[in-house]
Amino acid sequence: MKKETTGTVLSVSRQWWLKVNTKAIRKGTMDGAVFPYIIKVSYTVDGKEYTRRKWIRARAPVPAEGGSVRVVYAEEKPGRAEIIC
């Protein structure tokens, strides 16, 4: 059975090594470049704290550090969760 809780964003890091070009013709190396992010989220289930990471694609909205996100987890395995931004 699926349950839902709220998690807190601990860190947001930009993946500089993976550049996505958005323009066919660029004037410079960073012209039209966007980067994906990895967020680290902490959530608590039955008094035990869990930490998960989520990769967020380029151009998608990224939650702020210290913000809250929805976390959906399985009741029998709360360590396996899905983070919904």
PDB file of N, CA and C in Angstrom:
ATOM      1  N   MET A   1       0.831  -1.174   0.000  1.00  0.00           N
ATOM      2  CA  MET A   1       0.000   0.000   0.000  1.00  0.00           C
ATOM      3  C   MET A   1       0.878   1.240   0.000  1.00  0.00           C
ATOM      4  N   LYS A   2       0.506   2.217  -0.798  1.00  0.00           N
ATOM      5  CA  LYS A   2       1.282   3.447  -0.929  1.00  0.00           C
ATOM      6  C   LYS A   2       0.821   4.463   0.113  1.00  0.00           C
ATOM      7  N   LYS A   3       1.799   5.164   0.680  1.00  0.00           N
ATOM      8  CA  LYS A   3       1.525   6.246   1.609  1.00  0.00           C
ATOM      9  C   LYS A   3       2.306   7.473   1.168  1.00  0.00           C
ATOM     10  N   GLU A   4       1.936   8.617   1.736  1.00  0.00           N
ATOM     11  CA  GLU A   4       2.566   9.871   1.327  1.00  0.00           C
ATOM     12  C   GLU A   4       3.003  10.659   2.548  1.00  0.00           C
ATOM     13  N   THR A   5       4.141  11.338   2.410  1.00  0.00           N
ATOM     14  CA  THR A   5       4.656  12.209   3.456  1.00  0.00           C
ATOM     15  C   THR A   5       5.332  13.405   2.797  1.00  0.00           C
ATOM     16  N   THR A   6       5.820  14.308   3.597  1.00  0.00           N
ATOM     17  CA  THR A   6       6.515  15.490   3.094  1.00  0.00           C
ATOM     18  C   THR A   6       7.999  15.371   3.422  1.00  0.00           C
ATOM     19  N   GLY A   7       8.826  15.675   2.440  1.00  0.00           N
ATOM     20  CA  GLY A   7      10.266  15.630   2.638  1.00  0.00           C
ATOM     21  C   GLY A   7      10.870  17.019   2.540  1.00  0.00           C
ATOM     22  N   THR A   8      12.069  17.169   3.063  1.00  0.00           N
ATOM     23  CA  THR A   8      12.786  18.444   3.035  1.00  0.00           C
ATOM     24  C   THR A   8      13.992  18.323   2.110  1.00  0.00           C
ATOM     25  N   VAL A   9      14.184  19.307   1.233  1.00  0.00           N
ATOM     26  CA  VAL A   9      15.318  19.312   0.304  1.00  0.00           C
ATOM     27  C   VAL A   9      16.571  19.719   1.075  1.00  0.00           C
ATOM     28  N   LEU A  10      17.535  18.818   1.151  1.00  0.00           N
ATOM     29  CA  LEU A  10      18.773  19.091   1.869  1.00  0.00           C
ATOM     30  C   LEU A  10      19.793  19.819   1.002  1.00  0.00           C
ATOM     31  N   SER A  11      19.916  19.401  -0.255  1.00  0.00           N
ATOM     32  CA  SER A  11      20.891  20.042  -1.139  1.00  0.00           C
ATOM     33  C   SER A  11      20.417  19.976  -2.585  1.00  0.00           C
ATOM     34  N   VAL A  12      20.866  20.956  -3.350  1.00  0.00           N
ATOM     35  CA  VAL A  12      20.588  21.031  -4.783  1.00  0.00           C
ATOM     36  C   VAL A  12      21.923  21.242  -5.473  1.00  0.00           C
ATOM     37  N   SER A  13      22.293  20.337  -6.377  1.00  0.00           N
ATOM     38  CA  SER A  13      23.566  20.497  -7.074  1.00  0.00           C
ATOM     39  C   SER A  13      23.361  20.395  -8.579  1.00  0.00           C
ATOM     40  N   ARG A  14      23.988  21.317  -9.267  1.00  0.00           N
ATOM     41  CA  ARG A  14      23.913  21.357 -10.737  1.00  0.00           C
ATOM     42  C   ARG A  14      24.953  20.407 -11.305  1.00  0.00           C
ATOM     43  N   GLN A  15      24.587  19.658 -12.314  1.00  0.00           N
ATOM     44  CA  GLN A  15      25.496  18.713 -12.951  1.00  0.00           C
ATOM     45  C   GLN A  15      26.223  19.404 -14.109  1.00  0.00           C
ATOM     46  N   TRP A  16      27.330  20.072 -13.804  1.00  0.00           N
ATOM     47  CA  TRP A  16      28.070  20.848 -14.794  1.00  0.00           C
ATOM     48  C   TRP A  16      28.649  19.984 -15.909  1.00  0.00           C
ATOM     49  N   TRP A  17      28.894  18.716 -15.638  1.00  0.00           N
ATOM     50  CA  TRP A  17      29.523  17.841 -16.618  1.00  0.00           C
ATOM     51  C   TRP A  17      28.559  17.394 -17.709  1.00  0.00           C
ATOM     52  N   LEU A  18      27.239  17.641 -17.563  1.00  0.00           N
ATOM     53  CA  LEU A  18      26.261  17.213 -18.553  1.00  0.00           C
ATOM     54  C   LEU A  18      25.540  18.443 -19.112  1.00  0.00           C
ATOM     55  N   LYS A  19      26.063  18.995 -20.182  1.00  0.00           N
ATOM     56  CA  LYS A  19      25.503  20.207 -20.785  1.00  0.00           C
ATOM     57  C   LYS A  19      24.509  19.824 -21.873  1.00  0.00           C
ATOM     58  N   VAL A  20      23.347  20.471 -21.866  1.00  0.00           N
ATOM     59  CA  VAL A  20      22.329  20.261 -22.889  1.00  0.00           C
ATOM     60  C   VAL A  20      22.230  21.542 -23.711  1.00  0.00           C
ATOM     61  N   ASN A  21      22.558  21.439 -24.990  1.00  0.00           N
ATOM     62  CA  ASN A  21      22.486  22.602 -25.862  1.00  0.00           C
ATOM     63  C   ASN A  21      21.059  22.777 -26.378  1.00  0.00           C
ATOM     64  N   THR A  22      20.540  24.006 -26.295  1.00  0.00           N
ATOM     65  CA  THR A  22      19.172  24.270 -26.721  1.00  0.00           C
ATOM     66  C   THR A  22      19.104  25.033 -28.037  1.00  0.00           C
ATOM     67  N   LYS A  23      20.227  25.456 -28.541  1.00  0.00           N
ATOM     68  CA  LYS A  23      20.256  26.183 -29.812  1.00  0.00           C
ATOM     69  C   LYS A  23      21.047  25.389 -30.850  1.00  0.00           C
ATOM     70  N   ALA A  24      20.593  25.420 -32.073  1.00  0.00           N
ATOM     71  CA  ALA A  24      21.301  24.706 -33.141  1.00  0.00           C
ATOM     72  C   ALA A  24      22.621  25.391 -33.479  1.00  0.00           C
ATOM     73  N   ILE A  25      22.602  26.720 -33.497  1.00  0.00           N
ATOM     74  CA  ILE A  25      23.813  27.486 -33.796  1.00  0.00           C
ATOM     75  C   ILE A  25      24.087  28.390 -32.601  1.00  0.00           C
ATOM     76  N   ARG A  26      25.303  28.291 -32.062  1.00  0.00           N
ATOM     77  CA  ARG A  26      25.658  29.061 -30.873  1.00  0.00           C
ATOM     78  C   ARG A  26      26.800  30.005 -31.192  1.00  0.00           C
ATOM     79  N   LYS A  27      26.820  31.151 -30.498  1.00  0.00           N
ATOM     80  CA  LYS A  27      27.906  32.113 -30.658  1.00  0.00           C
ATOM     81  C   LYS A  27      29.048  31.837 -29.687  1.00  0.00           C
ATOM     82  N   GLY A  28      28.753  31.168 -28.577  1.00  0.00           N
ATOM     83  CA  GLY A  28      29.770  30.841 -27.581  1.00  0.00           C
ATOM     84  C   GLY A  28      29.523  29.445 -27.033  1.00  0.00           C
ATOM     85  N   THR A  29      30.416  28.975 -26.187  1.00  0.00           N
ATOM     86  CA  THR A  29      30.299  27.611 -25.674  1.00  0.00           C
ATOM     87  C   THR A  29      29.126  27.443 -24.713  1.00  0.00           C
ATOM     88  N   MET A  30      28.744  28.483 -23.989  1.00  0.00           N
ATOM     89  CA  MET A  30      27.656  28.376 -23.025  1.00  0.00           C
ATOM     90  C   MET A  30      26.365  29.031 -23.524  1.00  0.00           C
ATOM     91  N   ASP A  31      26.324  29.442 -24.763  1.00  0.00           N
ATOM     92  CA  ASP A  31      25.133  30.072 -25.333  1.00  0.00           C
ATOM     93  C   ASP A  31      24.041  29.024 -25.517  1.00  0.00           C
ATOM     94  N   GLY A  32      22.938  29.161 -24.792  1.00  0.00           N
ATOM     95  CA  GLY A  32      21.826  28.228 -24.899  1.00  0.00           C
ATOM     96  C   GLY A  32      22.022  26.939 -24.131  1.00  0.00           C
ATOM     97  N   ALA A  33      22.988  26.895 -23.221  1.00  0.00           N
ATOM     98  CA  ALA A  33      23.257  25.678 -22.459  1.00  0.00           C
ATOM     99  C   ALA A  33      22.396  25.639 -21.189  1.00  0.00           C
ATOM    100  N   VAL A  34      21.806  24.484 -20.901  1.00  0.00           N
ATOM    101  CA  VAL A  34      21.086  24.246 -19.649  1.00  0.00           C
ATOM    102  C   VAL A  34      21.632  22.965 -19.035  1.00  0.00           C
ATOM    103  N   PHE A  35      21.471  22.820 -17.725  1.00  0.00           N
ATOM    104  CA  PHE A  35      22.065  21.698 -17.010  1.00  0.00           C
ATOM    105  C   PHE A  35      21.021  21.008 -16.133  1.00  0.00           C
ATOM    106  N   PRO A  36      21.091  19.675 -15.992  1.00  0.00           N
ATOM    107  CA  PRO A  36      20.208  18.969 -15.058  1.00  0.00           C
ATOM    108  C   PRO A  36      20.701  19.159 -13.616  1.00  0.00           C
ATOM    109  N   TYR A  37      19.869  18.786 -12.663  1.00  0.00           N
ATOM    110  CA  TYR A  37      20.183  18.918 -11.246  1.00  0.00           C
ATOM    111  C   TYR A  37      19.997  17.578 -10.541  1.00  0.00           C
ATOM    112  N   ILE A  38      20.631  17.437  -9.381  1.00  0.00           N
ATOM    113  CA  ILE A  38      20.380  16.334  -8.469  1.00  0.00           C
ATOM    114  C   ILE A  38      20.018  16.954  -7.127  1.00  0.00           C
ATOM    115  N   ILE A  39      18.852  16.534  -6.578  1.00  0.00           N
ATOM    116  CA  ILE A  39      18.454  17.029  -5.272  1.00  0.00           C
ATOM    117  C   ILE A  39      18.546  15.889  -4.261  1.00  0.00           C
ATOM    118  N   LYS A  40      18.848  16.232  -3.032  1.00  0.00           N
ATOM    119  CA  LYS A  40      18.917  15.264  -1.943  1.00  0.00           C
ATOM    120  C   LYS A  40      17.787  15.606  -0.972  1.00  0.00           C
ATOM    121  N   VAL A  41      16.921  14.623  -0.694  1.00  0.00           N
ATOM    122  CA  VAL A  41      15.714  14.845   0.103  1.00  0.00           C
ATOM    123  C   VAL A  41      15.746  13.950   1.335  1.00  0.00           C
ATOM    124  N   SER A  42      15.351  14.510   2.468  1.00  0.00           N
ATOM    125  CA  SER A  42      15.236  13.764   3.710  1.00  0.00           C
ATOM    126  C   SER A  42      13.770  13.715   4.117  1.00  0.00           C
ATOM    127  N   TYR A  43      13.304  12.522   4.546  1.00  0.00           N
ATOM    128  CA  TYR A  43      11.930  12.368   5.010  1.00  0.00           C
ATOM    129  C   TYR A  43      11.898  11.386   6.165  1.00  0.00           C
ATOM    130  N   THR A  44      10.857  11.464   6.983  1.00  0.00           N
ATOM    131  CA  THR A  44      10.743  10.633   8.175  1.00  0.00           C
ATOM    132  C   THR A  44       9.495   9.769   8.096  1.00  0.00           C
ATOM    133  N   VAL A  45       9.649   8.476   8.406  1.00  0.00           N
ATOM    134  CA  VAL A  45       8.535   7.529   8.448  1.00  0.00           C
ATOM    135  C   VAL A  45       8.647   6.757   9.756  1.00  0.00           C
ATOM    136  N   ASP A  46       7.627   6.821  10.581  1.00  0.00           N
ATOM    137  CA  ASP A  46       7.564   6.115  11.867  1.00  0.00           C
ATOM    138  C   ASP A  46       8.784   6.398  12.746  1.00  0.00           C
ATOM    139  N   GLY A  47       9.241   7.631  12.768  1.00  0.00           N
ATOM    140  CA  GLY A  47      10.357   8.017  13.614  1.00  0.00           C
ATOM    141  C   GLY A  47      11.726   7.734  13.044  1.00  0.00           C
ATOM    142  N   LYS A  48      11.823   7.077  11.909  1.00  0.00           N
ATOM    143  CA  LYS A  48      13.111   6.787  11.278  1.00  0.00           C
ATOM    144  C   LYS A  48      13.296   7.711  10.075  1.00  0.00           C
ATOM    145  N   GLU A  49      14.484   8.290   9.972  1.00  0.00           N
ATOM    146  CA  GLU A  49      14.763   9.246   8.906  1.00  0.00           C
ATOM    147  C   GLU A  49      15.430   8.541   7.725  1.00  0.00           C
ATOM    148  N   TYR A  50      14.961   8.864   6.526  1.00  0.00           N
ATOM    149  CA  TYR A  50      15.494   8.310   5.283  1.00  0.00           C
ATOM    150  C   TYR A  50      15.985   9.447   4.398  1.00  0.00           C
ATOM    151  N   THR A  51      16.946   9.138   3.541  1.00  0.00           N
ATOM    152  CA  THR A  51      17.479  10.114   2.592  1.00  0.00           C
ATOM    153  C   THR A  51      17.472   9.498   1.209  1.00  0.00           C
ATOM    154  N   ARG A  52      16.977  10.239   0.233  1.00  0.00           N
ATOM    155  CA  ARG A  52      16.938   9.791  -1.168  1.00  0.00           C
ATOM    156  C   ARG A  52      17.453  10.921  -2.047  1.00  0.00           C
ATOM    157  N   ARG A  53      17.910  10.546  -3.236  1.00  0.00           N
ATOM    158  CA  ARG A  53      18.325  11.524  -4.240  1.00  0.00           C
ATOM    159  C   ARG A  53      17.450  11.390  -5.467  1.00  0.00           C
ATOM    160  N   LYS A  54      17.274  12.494  -6.167  1.00  0.00           N
ATOM    161  CA  LYS A  54      16.474  12.484  -7.388  1.00  0.00           C
ATOM    162  C   LYS A  54      17.178  13.326  -8.437  1.00  0.00           C
ATOM    163  N   TRP A  55      17.232  12.795  -9.627  1.00  0.00           N
ATOM    164  CA  TRP A  55      17.806  13.500 -10.767  1.00  0.00           C
ATOM    165  C   TRP A  55      16.686  14.270 -11.452  1.00  0.00           C
ATOM    166  N   ILE A  56      16.894  15.561 -11.698  1.00  0.00           N
ATOM    167  CA  ILE A  56      15.890  16.411 -12.334  1.00  0.00           C
ATOM    168  C   ILE A  56      16.433  16.855 -13.681  1.00  0.00           C
ATOM    169  N   ARG A  57      15.659  16.620 -14.718  1.00  0.00           N
ATOM    170  CA  ARG A  57      16.119  16.906 -16.074  1.00  0.00           C
ATOM    171  C   ARG A  57      16.294  18.413 -16.304  1.00  0.00           C
ATOM    172  N   ALA A  58      17.033  18.740 -17.349  1.00  0.00           N
ATOM    173  CA  ALA A  58      17.283  20.130 -17.703  1.00  0.00           C
ATOM    174  C   ALA A  58      15.973  20.821 -18.068  1.00  0.00           C
ATOM    175  N   ARG A  59      15.847  22.059 -17.709  1.00  0.00           N
ATOM    176  CA  ARG A  59      14.685  22.928 -17.947  1.00  0.00           C
ATOM    177  C   ARG A  59      13.492  22.623 -17.060  1.00  0.00           C
ATOM    178  N   ALA A  60      13.550  21.620 -16.221  1.00  0.00           N
ATOM    179  CA  ALA A  60      12.450  21.328 -15.297  1.00  0.00           C
ATOM    180  C   ALA A  60      12.596  22.232 -14.071  1.00  0.00           C
ATOM    181  N   PRO A  61      11.490  22.603 -13.431  1.00  0.00           N
ATOM    182  CA  PRO A  61      11.596  23.440 -12.229  1.00  0.00           C
ATOM    183  C   PRO A  61      12.277  22.678 -11.093  1.00  0.00           C
ATOM    184  N   VAL A  62      13.164  23.370 -10.403  1.00  0.00           N
ATOM    185  CA  VAL A  62      13.947  22.757  -9.334  1.00  0.00           C
ATOM    186  C   VAL A  62      13.499  23.357  -8.000  1.00  0.00           C
ATOM    187  N   PRO A  63      13.175  22.521  -7.003  1.00  0.00           N
ATOM    188  CA  PRO A  63      12.792  23.068  -5.696  1.00  0.00           C
ATOM    189  C   PRO A  63      13.994  23.719  -5.012  1.00  0.00           C
ATOM    190  N   ALA A  64      13.719  24.707  -4.181  1.00  0.00           N
ATOM    191  CA  ALA A  64      14.784  25.418  -3.475  1.00  0.00           C
ATOM    192  C   ALA A  64      15.305  24.576  -2.314  1.00  0.00           C
ATOM    193  N   GLU A  65      16.554  24.817  -1.951  1.00  0.00           N
ATOM    194  CA  GLU A  65      17.136  24.135  -0.817  1.00  0.00           C
ATOM    195  C   GLU A  65      16.396  24.559   0.450  1.00  0.00           C
ATOM    196  N   GLY A  66      15.992  23.601   1.255  1.00  0.00           N
ATOM    197  CA  GLY A  66      15.209  23.882   2.450  1.00  0.00           C
ATOM    198  C   GLY A  66      13.711  23.837   2.200  1.00  0.00           C
ATOM    199  N   GLY A  67      13.304  23.691   0.946  1.00  0.00           N
ATOM    200  CA  GLY A  67      11.895  23.611   0.591  1.00  0.00           C
ATOM    201  C   GLY A  67      11.337  22.220   0.858  1.00  0.00           C
ATOM    202  N   SER A  68      10.043  22.082   0.623  1.00  0.00           N
ATOM    203  CA  SER A  68       9.422  20.778   0.866  1.00  0.00           C
ATOM    204  C   SER A  68       8.914  20.174  -0.443  1.00  0.00           C
ATOM    205  N   VAL A  69       8.946  18.844  -0.508  1.00  0.00           N
ATOM    206  CA  VAL A  69       8.475  18.086  -1.659  1.00  0.00           C
ATOM    207  C   VAL A  69       7.633  16.915  -1.162  1.00  0.00           C
ATOM    208  N   ARG A  70       6.796  16.369  -2.031  1.00  0.00           N
ATOM    209  CA  ARG A  70       5.996  15.195  -1.693  1.00  0.00           C
ATOM    210  C   ARG A  70       6.825  13.936  -1.887  1.00  0.00           C
ATOM    211  N   VAL A  71       6.672  12.992  -0.976  1.00  0.00           N
ATOM    212  CA  VAL A  71       7.366  11.714  -1.059  1.00  0.00           C
ATOM    213  C   VAL A  71       6.318  10.607  -0.946  1.00  0.00           C
ATOM    214  N   VAL A  72       6.255   9.738  -1.947  1.00  0.00           N
ATOM    215  CA  VAL A  72       5.342   8.602  -1.931  1.00  0.00           C
ATOM    216  C   VAL A  72       6.181   7.344  -1.717  1.00  0.00           C
ATOM    217  N   TYR A  73       5.811   6.559  -0.694  1.00  0.00           N
ATOM    218  CA  TYR A  73       6.602   5.376  -0.352  1.00  0.00           C
ATOM    219  C   TYR A  73       5.681   4.182  -0.132  1.00  0.00           C
ATOM    220  N   ALA A  74       6.256   2.996  -0.216  1.00  0.00           N
ATOM    221  CA  ALA A  74       5.517   1.762   0.062  1.00  0.00           C
ATOM    222  C   ALA A  74       5.526   1.523   1.566  1.00  0.00           C
ATOM    223  N   GLU A  75       4.387   1.132   2.101  1.00  0.00           N
ATOM    224  CA  GLU A  75       4.262   0.960   3.550  1.00  0.00           C
ATOM    225  C   GLU A  75       5.206  -0.122   4.078  1.00  0.00           C
ATOM    226  N   GLU A  76       5.414  -1.187   3.310  1.00  0.00           N
ATOM    227  CA  GLU A  76       6.281  -2.266   3.777  1.00  0.00           C
ATOM    228  C   GLU A  76       7.769  -1.968   3.586  1.00  0.00           C
ATOM    229  N   LYS A  77       8.123  -1.074   2.643  1.00  0.00           N
ATOM    230  CA  LYS A  77       9.518  -0.702   2.419  1.00  0.00           C
ATOM    231  C   LYS A  77       9.608   0.823   2.290  1.00  0.00           C
ATOM    232  N   PRO A  78       9.636   1.544   3.410  1.00  0.00           N
ATOM    233  CA  PRO A  78       9.663   3.008   3.329  1.00  0.00           C
ATOM    234  C   PRO A  78      10.975   3.563   2.780  1.00  0.00           C
ATOM    235  N   GLY A  79      12.022   2.748   2.716  1.00  0.00           N
ATOM    236  CA  GLY A  79      13.290   3.201   2.152  1.00  0.00           C
ATOM    237  C   GLY A  79      13.228   3.377   0.649  1.00  0.00           C
ATOM    238  N   ARG A  80      12.287   2.709   0.003  1.00  0.00           N
ATOM    239  CA  ARG A  80      12.093   2.846  -1.443  1.00  0.00           C
ATOM    240  C   ARG A  80      10.967   3.840  -1.659  1.00  0.00           C
ATOM    241  N   ALA A  81      11.307   4.996  -2.166  1.00  0.00           N
ATOM    242  CA  ALA A  81      10.320   6.068  -2.280  1.00  0.00           C
ATOM    243  C   ALA A  81      10.456   6.777  -3.612  1.00  0.00           C
ATOM    244  N   GLU A  82       9.391   7.476  -3.966  1.00  0.00           N
ATOM    245  CA  GLU A  82       9.367   8.299  -5.171  1.00  0.00           C
ATOM    246  C   GLU A  82       9.200   9.748  -4.732  1.00  0.00           C
ATOM    247  N   ILE A  83      10.086  10.600  -5.203  1.00  0.00           N
ATOM    248  CA  ILE A  83      10.040  12.023  -4.870  1.00  0.00           C
ATOM    249  C   ILE A  83       9.285  12.745  -5.979  1.00  0.00           C
ATOM    250  N   ILE A  84       8.290  13.528  -5.594  1.00  0.00           N
ATOM    251  CA  ILE A  84       7.484  14.263  -6.557  1.00  0.00           C
ATOM    252  C   ILE A  84       7.702  15.746  -6.342  1.00  0.00           C
ATOM    253  N   CYS A  85       8.291  16.393  -7.339  1.00  0.00           N
ATOM    254  CA  CYS A  85       8.589  17.833  -7.222  1.00  0.00           C
ATOM    255  C   CYS A  85       7.441  18.677  -7.740  1.00  0.00           C
TER     256      CYS A  85
END
